[in-house]
Protein backbone atom coordinates (compact mmCIF):
# COMPACT_ATOMS: atom_id res chain seq x y z
CA UNK A 1 0.00 0.00 0.00
CA UNK A 2 1.31 3.46 -0.85
CA UNK A 3 0.05 6.98 -0.56
CA UNK A 4 0.20 9.78 -3.12
CA UNK A 5 0.13 13.42 -2.15
CA UNK A 6 -2.27 15.79 -3.86
CA UNK A 7 -1.07 19.30 -4.81
CA UNK A 8 -0.96 21.64 -1.84
CA UNK A 9 -3.55 24.03 -3.28
CA UNK A 10 -6.29 21.37 -3.57
CA UNK A 11 -8.11 22.10 -0.36
CA UNK A 12 -11.70 22.75 0.62
CA UNK A 13 -11.00 26.47 0.75
CA UNK A 14 -10.56 26.77 -3.05
CA UNK A 15 -14.01 26.17 -4.62
CA UNK A 16 -13.24 28.53 -7.52
CA UNK A 17 -10.73 25.99 -8.80
CA UNK A 18 -13.57 23.96 -10.25
CA UNK A 19 -15.81 26.86 -11.26
CA UNK A 20 -13.66 29.36 -13.08
CA UNK A 21 -14.53 33.04 -13.11
CA UNK A 22 -17.55 32.79 -10.83
CA UNK A 23 -16.95 36.34 -9.73
CA UNK A 24 -18.22 37.56 -13.11
CA UNK A 25 -21.75 36.36 -12.28
CA UNK A 26 -24.22 37.59 -9.67
CA UNK A 27 -24.37 35.92 -6.26
CA UNK A 28 -27.88 34.55 -6.71
CA UNK A 29 -26.83 32.71 -9.86
CA UNK A 30 -23.63 31.41 -8.25
CA UNK A 31 -25.54 30.11 -5.24
CA UNK A 32 -28.12 28.33 -7.39
CA UNK A 33 -25.44 26.87 -9.61
CA UNK A 34 -23.49 25.59 -6.59
CA UNK A 35 -26.58 23.95 -5.10
CA UNK A 36 -27.48 22.28 -8.40
CA UNK A 37 -23.95 20.90 -8.80
CA UNK A 38 -23.93 19.54 -5.25
CA UNK A 39 -27.31 17.88 -5.77
CA UNK A 40 -26.17 16.35 -9.07
CA UNK A 41 -22.67 15.43 -7.95
CA UNK A 42 -21.60 12.29 -9.78
CA UNK A 43 -24.28 12.79 -12.43
CA UNK A 44 -24.25 15.88 -14.66
CA UNK A 45 -22.85 18.18 -12.00
CA UNK A 46 -19.25 18.31 -10.83
CA UNK A 47 -18.50 19.74 -7.41
CA UNK A 48 -15.70 18.03 -5.53
CA UNK A 49 -16.29 18.89 -1.90
CA UNK A 50 -14.49 16.26 0.20
CA UNK A 51 -10.97 17.08 -0.89
CA UNK A 52 -8.28 15.26 1.06
CA UNK A 53 -4.55 15.78 1.30
CA UNK A 54 -3.73 12.28 0.07
CA UNK A 55 -5.32 9.19 -1.46
CA UNK A 56 -4.38 5.53 -1.21
CA UNK A 57 -3.29 2.85 -3.67
CA UNK A 58 -4.43 -0.67 -2.80
CA UNK A 59 -2.95 -3.82 -4.33
CA UNK A 60 -5.42 -5.45 -6.72
CA UNK A 61 -7.70 -2.40 -6.72
CA UNK A 62 -5.55 0.45 -7.93
CA UNK A 63 -5.96 4.00 -6.68
CA UNK A 64 -9.04 4.63 -4.58
CA UNK A 65 -11.44 6.53 -6.81
CA UNK A 66 -12.58 9.15 -4.32
CA UNK A 67 -10.36 11.81 -5.91
CA UNK A 68 -11.29 15.04 -7.73
CA UNK A 69 -9.80 14.03 -11.10
CA UNK A 70 -11.95 10.92 -11.24
CA UNK A 71 -15.10 12.79 -10.15
CA UNK A 72 -14.54 15.49 -12.74
CA UNK A 73 -13.90 12.97 -15.51
CA UNK A 74 -17.07 10.99 -14.70
CA UNK A 75 -19.29 14.07 -14.69
CA UNK A 76 -17.63 15.36 -17.88
CA UNK A 77 -18.19 12.07 -19.69
CA UNK A 78 -21.86 12.12 -18.69
CA UNK A 79 -22.23 15.68 -19.97
CA UNK A 80 -20.37 14.87 -23.21
CA UNK A 81 -22.66 11.90 -23.85
CA UNK A 82 -25.74 13.94 -23.08
CA UNK A 83 -24.84 16.83 -25.38
CA UNK A 84 -23.72 14.59 -28.24
CA UNK A 85 -26.87 12.42 -28.03
CA UNK A 86 -29.06 15.52 -28.01
CA UNK A 87 -27.15 16.89 -30.99
CA UNK A 88 -27.59 13.58 -32.81
CA UNK A 89 -31.34 13.99 -32.33
CA UNK A 90 -31.04 17.56 -33.61
CA UNK A 91 -29.09 16.34 -36.65
CA UNK A 92 -31.61 13.58 -37.39
CA UNK A 93 -34.59 15.91 -37.21
CA UNK A 94 -32.78 18.58 -39.21
CA UNK A 95 -31.88 16.09 -41.95
CA UNK A 96 -35.43 14.72 -42.10
CA UNK A 97 -36.92 18.22 -42.16
CA UNK A 98 -34.74 19.23 -45.11
CA UNK A 99 -34.65 16.14 -47.29
CA UNK A 100 -37.59 13.89 -46.36
CA UNK A 101 -40.52 15.69 -44.72
CA UNK A 102 -41.13 18.22 -47.58
CA UNK A 103 -41.58 15.34 -50.05
CA UNK A 104 -43.93 13.56 -47.66
CA UNK A 105 -46.00 16.71 -47.17
CA UNK A 106 -46.15 17.20 -50.91
CA UNK A 107 -47.23 13.63 -51.70
CA UNK A 108 -49.53 13.05 -48.71
CA UNK A 109 -51.21 16.44 -48.36
CA UNK A 110 -50.60 18.06 -51.74
CA UNK A 111 -48.60 20.96 -50.30
CA UNK A 112 -46.55 22.87 -52.83
CA UNK A 113 -43.14 22.44 -51.21
CA UNK A 114 -39.98 20.58 -52.13
CA UNK A 115 -36.18 20.65 -51.96
CA UNK A 116 -33.73 21.13 -54.80
CA UNK A 117 -30.93 18.78 -53.76
CA UNK A 118 -28.42 20.27 -56.22
CA UNK A 119 -28.84 23.72 -54.68
CA UNK A 120 -29.84 22.59 -51.19
CA UNK A 121 -32.76 25.03 -51.22
CA UNK A 122 -36.55 24.88 -50.80
CA UNK A 123 -38.88 25.59 -53.69
CA UNK A 124 -42.65 25.85 -54.10
CA UNK A 125 -45.25 28.22 -52.68
CA UNK A 126 -43.41 30.98 -50.80
CA UNK A 127 -45.90 31.23 -47.94
CA UNK A 128 -45.91 27.45 -47.42
CA UNK A 129 -42.11 27.34 -47.43
CA UNK A 130 -41.88 30.17 -44.88
CA UNK A 131 -44.45 28.60 -42.53
CA UNK A 132 -42.59 25.27 -42.78
CA UNK A 133 -39.28 26.94 -42.01
CA UNK A 134 -40.79 28.65 -38.97
CA UNK A 135 -42.17 25.40 -37.56
CA UNK A 136 -39.02 23.32 -38.11
CA UNK A 137 -36.54 26.04 -37.05
CA UNK A 138 -38.31 26.69 -33.78
CA UNK A 139 -39.19 23.09 -32.93
CA UNK A 140 -35.72 21.57 -33.36
CA UNK A 141 -34.17 24.20 -31.08
CA UNK A 142 -36.87 24.30 -28.41
CA UNK A 143 -36.90 20.51 -28.05
CA UNK A 144 -33.14 20.27 -27.38
CA UNK A 145 -33.36 23.04 -24.77
CA UNK A 146 -36.21 21.20 -23.07
CA UNK A 147 -34.28 17.92 -23.16
CA UNK A 148 -31.23 19.41 -21.42
CA UNK A 149 -33.41 21.00 -18.77
CA UNK A 150 -35.47 17.88 -18.10
CA UNK A 151 -32.54 15.44 -18.06
CA UNK A 152 -30.12 17.51 -15.97
CA UNK A 153 -32.68 19.15 -13.69
CA UNK A 154 -30.81 22.45 -14.04
CA UNK A 155 -32.94 25.40 -12.80
CA UNK A 156 -34.06 27.87 -15.46
CA UNK A 157 -32.27 30.79 -13.79
CA UNK A 158 -29.03 28.78 -14.03
CA UNK A 159 -29.60 27.64 -17.61
CA UNK A 160 -30.54 31.14 -18.74
CA UNK A 161 -28.86 33.78 -16.52
CA UNK A 162 -30.33 37.19 -17.29
CA UNK A 163 -28.76 39.66 -14.84
CA UNK A 164 -25.86 41.63 -16.30
CA UNK A 165 -22.91 42.07 -13.92
CA UNK A 166 -20.68 44.06 -16.28
CA UNK A 167 -22.75 46.81 -17.88
CA UNK A 168 -19.82 48.72 -19.49
CA UNK A 169 -18.76 45.60 -21.40
CA UNK A 170 -22.39 44.84 -22.22
CA UNK A 171 -22.55 48.23 -23.92
CA UNK A 172 -19.74 47.24 -26.29
CA UNK A 173 -21.32 43.92 -27.25
CA UNK A 174 -23.07 45.02 -30.45
CA UNK A 175 -20.13 47.04 -31.88
CA UNK A 176 -17.83 44.12 -31.02
CA UNK A 177 -20.18 41.73 -32.82
CA UNK A 178 -20.07 43.96 -35.90
CA UNK A 179 -16.27 44.02 -35.74
CA UNK A 180 -15.96 40.25 -35.46
CA UNK A 181 -18.56 39.59 -38.16
CA UNK A 182 -16.94 42.02 -40.60
CA UNK A 183 -13.42 40.78 -39.85
CA UNK A 184 -14.54 37.20 -40.28
CA UNK A 185 -16.13 38.16 -43.59
CA UNK A 186 -12.78 39.44 -44.84
CA UNK A 187 -11.04 36.30 -43.61
CA UNK A 188 -13.54 34.23 -45.61
CA UNK A 189 -12.24 35.58 -48.94
CA UNK A 190 -9.48 32.92 -49.28
CA UNK A 191 -12.02 30.25 -48.33
CA UNK A 192 -14.39 31.55 -50.98
CA UNK A 193 -11.66 31.37 -53.61
CA UNK A 194 -10.84 27.81 -52.55
CA UNK A 195 -14.43 26.63 -52.83
CA UNK A 196 -14.85 28.44 -56.15
CA UNK A 197 -11.85 26.51 -57.47
CA UNK A 198 -13.62 23.33 -56.35
CA UNK A 199 -16.85 24.46 -58.10
CA UNK A 200 -18.58 24.88 -54.74
CA UNK A 201 -19.10 28.59 -54.22
CA UNK A 202 -20.25 30.38 -51.09
CA UNK A 203 -23.74 31.06 -52.39
CA UNK A 204 -25.78 30.56 -49.21
CA UNK A 205 -29.14 30.35 -50.96
CA UNK A 206 -30.89 32.96 -48.84
CA UNK A 207 -34.52 33.24 -49.88
CA UNK A 208 -35.09 36.62 -51.49
CA UNK A 209 -38.63 37.53 -52.50
CA UNK A 210 -40.43 40.60 -53.79
CA UNK A 211 -43.37 39.88 -51.48
CA UNK A 212 -42.94 42.35 -48.61
CA UNK A 213 -44.85 40.28 -46.05
CA UNK A 214 -42.93 37.10 -46.83
CA UNK A 215 -39.61 38.93 -46.83
CA UNK A 216 -40.41 40.51 -43.46
CA UNK A 217 -41.31 37.11 -42.03
CA UNK A 218 -38.02 35.63 -43.28
CA UNK A 219 -36.00 38.47 -41.74
CA UNK A 220 -37.80 38.11 -38.40
CA UNK A 221 -37.06 34.37 -38.41
CA UNK A 222 -33.41 34.72 -39.45
CA UNK A 223 -32.44 37.82 -37.46
CA UNK A 224 -34.61 37.64 -34.34
CA UNK A 225 -36.30 34.32 -33.58
CA UNK A 226 -33.55 31.89 -34.58
CA UNK A 227 -30.74 33.83 -32.81
CA UNK A 228 -32.78 34.06 -29.60
CA UNK A 229 -33.56 30.35 -29.38
CA UNK A 230 -30.10 29.31 -30.63
CA UNK A 231 -28.29 31.38 -28.00
CA UNK A 232 -30.54 30.17 -25.20
CA UNK A 233 -29.47 26.66 -26.21
CA UNK A 234 -25.76 27.20 -26.95
CA UNK A 235 -24.63 30.01 -24.64
CA UNK A 236 -27.41 29.40 -22.16
CA UNK A 237 -28.00 25.70 -21.48
CA UNK A 238 -24.84 24.21 -23.02
CA UNK A 239 -22.41 26.87 -21.81
CA UNK A 240 -23.71 26.72 -18.25
CA UNK A 241 -23.60 22.92 -18.27
CA UNK A 242 -20.01 22.90 -19.53
CA UNK A 243 -18.44 25.79 -17.61
CA UNK A 244 -18.22 23.75 -14.40
CA UNK A 245 -15.24 22.06 -16.13
CA UNK A 246 -13.57 25.40 -16.87
CA UNK A 247 -14.53 28.40 -18.96
CA UNK A 248 -11.93 27.64 -21.64
CA UNK A 249 -13.35 24.16 -22.17
CA UNK A 250 -16.89 25.55 -22.31
CA UNK A 251 -15.91 28.15 -24.93
CA UNK A 252 -14.28 25.54 -27.19
CA UNK A 253 -17.13 23.02 -27.05
CA UNK A 254 -19.88 25.61 -27.53
CA UNK A 255 -17.86 26.97 -30.45
CA UNK A 256 -17.96 23.52 -32.05
CA UNK A 257 -21.69 23.21 -31.38
CA UNK A 258 -22.42 26.59 -32.97
CA UNK A 259 -20.24 25.91 -36.00
CA UNK A 260 -21.89 22.54 -36.63
CA UNK A 261 -25.43 23.83 -36.21
CA UNK A 262 -24.79 26.45 -38.90
CA UNK A 263 -25.33 23.44 -41.24
CA UNK A 264 -22.65 24.61 -43.67
CA UNK A 265 -19.09 23.31 -43.52
CA UNK A 266 -17.94 26.28 -45.62
CA UNK A 267 -18.78 28.55 -42.67
CA UNK A 268 -17.48 26.30 -39.90
CA UNK A 269 -14.45 28.42 -38.92
CA UNK A 270 -16.43 31.64 -39.35
CA UNK A 271 -19.11 30.63 -36.85
CA UNK A 272 -16.63 28.93 -34.52
CA UNK A 273 -14.72 32.20 -34.14
CA UNK A 274 -17.92 34.19 -33.66
CA UNK A 275 -19.20 31.73 -31.06
CA UNK A 276 -16.00 31.90 -29.00
CA UNK A 277 -16.20 35.70 -28.93
CA UNK A 278 -19.89 35.67 -28.02
CA UNK A 279 -19.17 33.07 -25.34
CA UNK A 280 -16.46 35.27 -23.83
CA UNK A 281 -18.85 38.26 -23.65
CA UNK A 282 -21.53 36.02 -22.14
CA UNK A 283 -19.21 34.80 -19.39
CA UNK A 284 -17.72 38.22 -18.71
CA UNK A 285 -21.09 40.01 -18.52
CA UNK A 286 -22.86 37.12 -16.81
CA UNK A 287 -25.95 37.31 -19.02
CA UNK A 288 -27.27 35.29 -21.95
CA UNK A 289 -28.91 38.52 -23.16
CA UNK A 290 -25.44 39.56 -24.30
CA UNK A 291 -25.21 36.46 -26.48
CA UNK A 292 -28.68 37.03 -27.92
CA UNK A 293 -28.01 40.63 -28.93
CA UNK A 294 -24.61 39.78 -30.39
CA UNK A 295 -25.99 36.84 -32.39
CA UNK A 296 -28.84 39.00 -33.70
CA UNK A 297 -26.27 41.58 -34.77
CA UNK A 298 -24.15 38.97 -36.56
CA UNK A 299 -27.21 37.49 -38.26
CA UNK A 300 -28.35 40.93 -39.36
CA UNK A 301 -24.92 41.73 -40.79
CA UNK A 302 -24.77 38.34 -42.47
CA UNK A 303 -28.21 38.77 -44.02
CA UNK A 304 -27.54 42.32 -45.27
CA UNK A 305 -24.18 41.32 -46.74
CA UNK A 306 -25.72 38.34 -48.52
CA UNK A 307 -28.59 40.46 -49.80
CA UNK A 308 -26.19 43.06 -51.20
CA UNK A 309 -24.21 40.26 -52.81
CA UNK A 310 -27.24 39.21 -54.88
CA UNK A 311 -27.55 42.55 -56.69
CA UNK A 312 -27.62 42.29 -60.48
CA UNK A 313 -24.91 44.93 -60.91
CA UNK A 314 -21.79 43.09 -59.69
CA UNK A 315 -19.69 46.26 -59.55
CA UNK A 316 -22.17 48.13 -57.33
CA UNK A 317 -22.70 44.99 -55.28
CA UNK A 318 -18.96 44.78 -54.53
CA UNK A 319 -18.88 48.48 -53.61
CA UNK A 320 -21.81 48.19 -51.20
CA UNK A 321 -20.46 45.05 -49.55
CA UNK A 322 -17.01 46.62 -49.12
CA UNK A 323 -18.53 49.77 -47.65
CA UNK A 324 -20.62 47.73 -45.21
CA UNK A 325 -17.58 45.74 -44.05
CA UNK A 326 -15.39 48.82 -43.63
CA UNK A 327 -18.03 50.78 -41.71
CA UNK A 328 -18.59 47.87 -39.31
CA UNK A 329 -14.85 47.39 -38.75
CA UNK A 330 -14.26 51.10 -38.11
CA UNK A 331 -17.21 51.43 -35.70
CA UNK A 332 -16.22 48.27 -33.88
CA UNK A 333 -12.56 49.25 -33.59
CA UNK A 334 -13.37 52.71 -32.23
CA UNK A 335 -15.74 51.40 -29.56
CA UNK A 336 -13.52 48.47 -28.53
CA UNK A 337 -10.30 50.53 -28.35
CA UNK A 338 -12.03 53.24 -26.34
CA UNK A 339 -13.41 50.65 -23.93
CA UNK A 340 -9.99 49.04 -23.51
CA UNK A 341 -8.47 52.41 -22.64
CA UNK A 342 -11.19 53.44 -20.17
CA UNK A 343 -12.20 50.06 -18.70
CA UNK A 344 -9.21 47.76 -19.19
CA UNK A 345 -9.90 46.13 -15.79
CA UNK A 346 -13.27 44.87 -17.05
CA UNK A 347 -11.87 42.82 -19.95
CA UNK A 348 -9.91 39.93 -18.44
CA UNK A 349 -11.43 36.48 -18.08
CA UNK A 350 -9.11 34.32 -15.94
CA UNK A 351 -9.28 30.77 -17.29
CA UNK A 352 -8.53 29.01 -14.02
CA UNK A 353 -7.60 25.35 -14.18
CA UNK A 354 -9.73 22.53 -12.85
CA UNK A 355 -8.38 19.15 -11.79
CA UNK A 356 -8.01 17.71 -15.30
CA UNK A 357 -5.57 19.29 -17.74
CA UNK A 358 -6.89 20.91 -20.95
CA UNK A 359 -5.43 17.97 -22.90
CA UNK A 360 -7.28 15.46 -20.71
CA UNK A 361 -10.54 17.34 -21.19
CA UNK A 362 -10.29 17.52 -24.97
CA UNK A 363 -9.25 13.87 -25.20
CA UNK A 364 -12.22 12.92 -23.02
CA UNK A 365 -14.51 14.82 -25.38
CA UNK A 366 -13.14 13.59 -28.71
CA UNK A 367 -12.85 9.95 -27.58
CA UNK A 368 -16.44 9.66 -26.36
CA UNK A 369 -18.18 7.24 -28.78
CA UNK A 370 -21.39 9.29 -29.07
CA UNK A 371 -19.34 12.45 -29.72
CA UNK A 372 -17.39 10.67 -32.48
CA UNK A 373 -20.65 9.50 -34.07
CA UNK A 374 -22.21 12.97 -33.84
CA UNK A 375 -19.19 14.75 -35.34
CA UNK A 376 -18.72 12.18 -38.12
CA UNK A 377 -22.41 12.23 -39.07
CA UNK A 378 -22.57 16.04 -38.92
CA UNK A 379 -19.55 16.56 -41.16
CA UNK A 380 -20.79 13.91 -43.59
CA UNK A 381 -24.17 15.64 -43.91
CA UNK A 382 -22.56 19.07 -44.30
CA UNK A 383 -20.16 17.86 -46.99
CA UNK A 384 -22.98 16.19 -48.93
CA UNK A 385 -25.06 19.37 -48.61
CA UNK A 386 -22.55 21.65 -50.36
CA UNK A 387 -24.27 22.94 -53.51
CA UNK A 388 -22.14 22.61 -56.64
CA UNK A 389 -21.73 25.33 -59.25
CA UNK A 390 -22.11 23.16 -62.35
């Protein structure tokens, strides 16, 4: 029998070690989150409370498992399995809603709706298509939020924290979102050239119609409704579930979730970068409202840029798009630089370590069988969905 010392700083007096940056959130949230984690310890919550100075190795049994690393790994594996299984359901429903259900509705009920597989776009009666998009877009997001809440038992005020603890930074959220969206748009130029060479351009098939009512409904869905529900899921439920294993880990995984749910592999890096930035602002301000407003801003920029790109006059289209990008970058840079000068103490987000190393956490995530299945299936669907410019 032998004994192995734990690091000196792993004592009961250091709860922040396993819940990084809790000081950026209000006390009511922190208290509720702590209680939920204690109640779900060993399940979907990780809160190592009985920390000892040493643990024992027994012949034939190995190290006794009542140690923080083991507790954190078990809870993390449960969370990884939960999120990946929920995302597999999301992927299945999304695939059926795009490729199968429209044909069934058309054949069974005579609805004028279908999907052009070569362009990966809906066709048929505009009003029918818009109503269908509303129903499917809202349902697939609401159901995954409900599943996380029901399975984990996480209180709503923990899943969706509303109170803003850093109002100065909250005020820079929208200009920062414009800056990131515009910068990412510029960074996408080499990617666009690459896909054009492969005869798979970056035409995103946004539905543009001359019917004012239908166009208004599409904008409301794309710029308001979808961002709200998406951010409640990603930077509400998922981020709060993951941040008990460290804010850095939570930012990376939610970035992957956001990039995959954009349903377009051509925009994977674009949305991953945006999600990480939005996640940082969410953690630093303590409110999911920050994420919602930033995502709405990005979606609005994205929609306007795409709309300008469809103009018949290519020269004027390029001028308008360039002007939009430059204006957003300038406004964003001015606001962000000014904030950094005046409020530099309100920027930092200490990524404190938990018991597992970052390498251990990422290996635990990417070696989980359900995660592997989800990622493989998602990338396969996205690759097959790339419209070809033939």
